[in-house]
Amino acid sequence: MKVFENIAEYQVFKRKYEMMGQLEEERLREAAEDPKALEDFLIFMDDVRSLNIEPRAAAVQLEDELSTDIERQKLLSRYPLADDDQS
């Protein structure tokens, strides 16, 4: 843990830390509104879950994957498809 020499140094650090937090929140909000970013995240989560190798867990995981696919399609169907030809 960093020990600050004086209050002014601490306040500068605190302002920078808070600003970084606000920027990260804004980035996450923008990413959450992007259907492609959301789809990529869900695919990543599926890939992480696929690392499980226990046989009993694999059966449960397969069921989860199928329901996840259904939920993903429901979620992504809320967003219109991007049409590059409209430029």
C-alpha atoms as a PDB file:
ATOM      1  CA  MET A   1       0.000   0.000   0.000  1.00  0.00           C
ATOM      2  CA  LYS A   2       1.332   3.405  -0.952  1.00  0.00           C
ATOM      3  CA  VAL A   3       1.985   5.905   1.824  1.00  0.00           C
ATOM      4  CA  PHE A   4       1.537   9.504   0.741  1.00  0.00           C
ATOM      5  CA  GLU A   5       3.919  12.249   1.771  1.00  0.00           C
ATOM      6  CA  ASN A   6       1.158  14.827   2.215  1.00  0.00           C
ATOM      7  CA  ILE A   7      -2.553  15.479   1.741  1.00  0.00           C
ATOM      8  CA  ALA A   8      -2.040  17.226  -1.625  1.00  0.00           C
ATOM      9  CA  GLU A   9      -0.320  14.156  -3.071  1.00  0.00           C
ATOM     10  CA  TYR A  10      -3.153  11.973  -1.824  1.00  0.00           C
ATOM     11  CA  GLN A  11      -5.797  14.266  -3.291  1.00  0.00           C
ATOM     12  CA  VAL A  12      -4.105  14.232  -6.715  1.00  0.00           C
ATOM     13  CA  PHE A  13      -3.972  10.437  -6.593  1.00  0.00           C
ATOM     14  CA  LYS A  14      -7.607  10.227  -5.508  1.00  0.00           C
ATOM     15  CA  ARG A  15      -8.786  12.497  -8.362  1.00  0.00           C
ATOM     16  CA  LYS A  16      -6.879  10.433 -10.928  1.00  0.00           C
ATOM     17  CA  TYR A  17      -8.232   7.198  -9.472  1.00  0.00           C
ATOM     18  CA  GLU A  18     -11.820   8.478  -9.534  1.00  0.00           C
ATOM     19  CA  MET A  19     -11.419   9.753 -13.115  1.00  0.00           C
ATOM     20  CA  MET A  20     -10.071   6.374 -14.220  1.00  0.00           C
ATOM     21  CA  GLY A  21     -13.068   4.706 -12.590  1.00  0.00           C
ATOM     22  CA  GLN A  22     -15.477   7.012 -14.429  1.00  0.00           C
ATOM     23  CA  LEU A  23     -13.732   6.334 -17.752  1.00  0.00           C
ATOM     24  CA  GLU A  24     -13.932   2.583 -17.161  1.00  0.00           C
ATOM     25  CA  GLU A  25     -17.655   2.805 -16.312  1.00  0.00           C
ATOM     26  CA  GLU A  26     -18.261   4.783 -19.500  1.00  0.00           C
ATOM     27  CA  ARG A  27     -16.310   2.230 -21.555  1.00  0.00           C
ATOM     28  CA  LEU A  28     -18.325  -0.619 -20.047  1.00  0.00           C
ATOM     29  CA  ARG A  29     -21.629   1.176 -20.757  1.00  0.00           C
ATOM     30  CA  GLU A  30     -20.640   1.720 -24.392  1.00  0.00           C
ATOM     31  CA  ALA A  31     -19.527  -1.895 -24.748  1.00  0.00           C
ATOM     32  CA  ALA A  32     -22.811  -3.117 -23.244  1.00  0.00           C
ATOM     33  CA  GLU A  33     -24.735  -1.244 -25.948  1.00  0.00           C
ATOM     34  CA  ASP A  34     -22.687  -2.776 -28.769  1.00  0.00           C
ATOM     35  CA  PRO A  35     -24.294  -6.050 -29.907  1.00  0.00           C
ATOM     36  CA  LYS A  36     -21.013  -7.350 -31.363  1.00  0.00           C
ATOM     37  CA  ALA A  37     -19.129  -6.718 -28.107  1.00  0.00           C
ATOM     38  CA  LEU A  38     -21.903  -8.410 -26.160  1.00  0.00           C
ATOM     39  CA  GLU A  39     -21.880 -11.404 -28.487  1.00  0.00           C
ATOM     40  CA  ASP A  40     -18.082 -11.667 -28.242  1.00  0.00           C
ATOM     41  CA  PHE A  41     -18.307 -11.585 -24.444  1.00  0.00           C
ATOM     42  CA  LEU A  42     -20.921 -14.342 -24.356  1.00  0.00           C
ATOM     43  CA  ILE A  43     -18.842 -16.486 -26.707  1.00  0.00           C
ATOM     44  CA  PHE A  44     -15.804 -15.891 -24.495  1.00  0.00           C
ATOM     45  CA  MET A  45     -17.801 -17.004 -21.450  1.00  0.00           C
ATOM     46  CA  ASP A  46     -18.845 -20.165 -23.274  1.00  0.00           C
ATOM     47  CA  ASP A  47     -15.211 -20.854 -24.157  1.00  0.00           C
ATOM     48  CA  VAL A  48     -14.135 -20.427 -20.541  1.00  0.00           C
ATOM     49  CA  ARG A  49     -16.862 -22.788 -19.382  1.00  0.00           C
ATOM     50  CA  SER A  50     -15.735 -25.374 -21.940  1.00  0.00           C
ATOM     51  CA  LEU A  51     -12.492 -25.875 -19.997  1.00  0.00           C
ATOM     52  CA  ASN A  52     -14.342 -28.101 -17.527  1.00  0.00           C
ATOM     53  CA  ILE A  53     -13.365 -31.761 -18.060  1.00  0.00           C
ATOM     54  CA  GLU A  54     -15.206 -33.623 -15.277  1.00  0.00           C
ATOM     55  CA  PRO A  55     -17.674 -36.065 -16.967  1.00  0.00           C
ATOM     56  CA  ARG A  56     -20.668 -35.327 -14.721  1.00  0.00           C
ATOM     57  CA  ALA A  57     -20.125 -31.609 -15.034  1.00  0.00           C
ATOM     58  CA  ALA A  58     -19.794 -31.949 -18.812  1.00  0.00           C
ATOM     59  CA  ALA A  59     -23.402 -33.189 -19.097  1.00  0.00           C
ATOM     60  CA  VAL A  60     -24.687 -30.303 -17.004  1.00  0.00           C
ATOM     61  CA  GLN A  61     -22.510 -27.930 -18.987  1.00  0.00           C
ATOM     62  CA  LEU A  62     -23.972 -29.160 -22.272  1.00  0.00           C
ATOM     63  CA  GLU A  63     -27.475 -28.367 -21.030  1.00  0.00           C
ATOM     64  CA  ASP A  64     -26.271 -24.947 -19.889  1.00  0.00           C
ATOM     65  CA  GLU A  65     -24.676 -24.285 -23.261  1.00  0.00           C
ATOM     66  CA  LEU A  66     -27.881 -25.095 -25.088  1.00  0.00           C
ATOM     67  CA  SER A  67     -29.918 -22.815 -22.859  1.00  0.00           C
ATOM     68  CA  THR A  68     -27.227 -20.146 -23.157  1.00  0.00           C
ATOM     69  CA  ASP A  69     -27.416 -20.351 -26.951  1.00  0.00           C
ATOM     70  CA  ILE A  70     -31.168 -19.867 -26.782  1.00  0.00           C
ATOM     71  CA  GLU A  71     -30.836 -16.920 -24.411  1.00  0.00           C
ATOM     72  CA  ARG A  72     -28.087 -15.380 -26.562  1.00  0.00           C
ATOM     73  CA  GLN A  73     -30.272 -15.587 -29.653  1.00  0.00           C
ATOM     74  CA  LYS A  74     -33.177 -13.987 -27.775  1.00  0.00           C
ATOM     75  CA  LEU A  75     -30.927 -11.177 -26.576  1.00  0.00           C
ATOM     76  CA  LEU A  76     -29.261 -10.558 -29.935  1.00  0.00           C
ATOM     77  CA  SER A  77     -32.590 -10.627 -31.760  1.00  0.00           C
ATOM     78  CA  ARG A  78     -33.456  -7.391 -29.946  1.00  0.00           C
ATOM     79  CA  TYR A  79     -30.802  -5.556 -31.955  1.00  0.00           C
ATOM     80  CA  PRO A  80     -31.194  -4.801 -35.644  1.00  0.00           C
ATOM     81  CA  LEU A  81     -28.565  -6.294 -37.895  1.00  0.00           C
ATOM     82  CA  ALA A  82     -25.891  -3.853 -39.030  1.00  0.00           C
ATOM     83  CA  ASP A  83     -26.253  -3.230 -42.744  1.00  0.00           C
ATOM     84  CA  ASP A  84     -23.004  -2.017 -44.300  1.00  0.00           C
ATOM     85  CA  ASP A  85     -24.714  -1.285 -47.639  1.00  0.00           C
ATOM     86  CA  GLN A  86     -26.638   1.705 -46.233  1.00  0.00           C
ATOM     87  CA  SER A  87     -23.488   3.879 -46.124  1.00  0.00           C
END
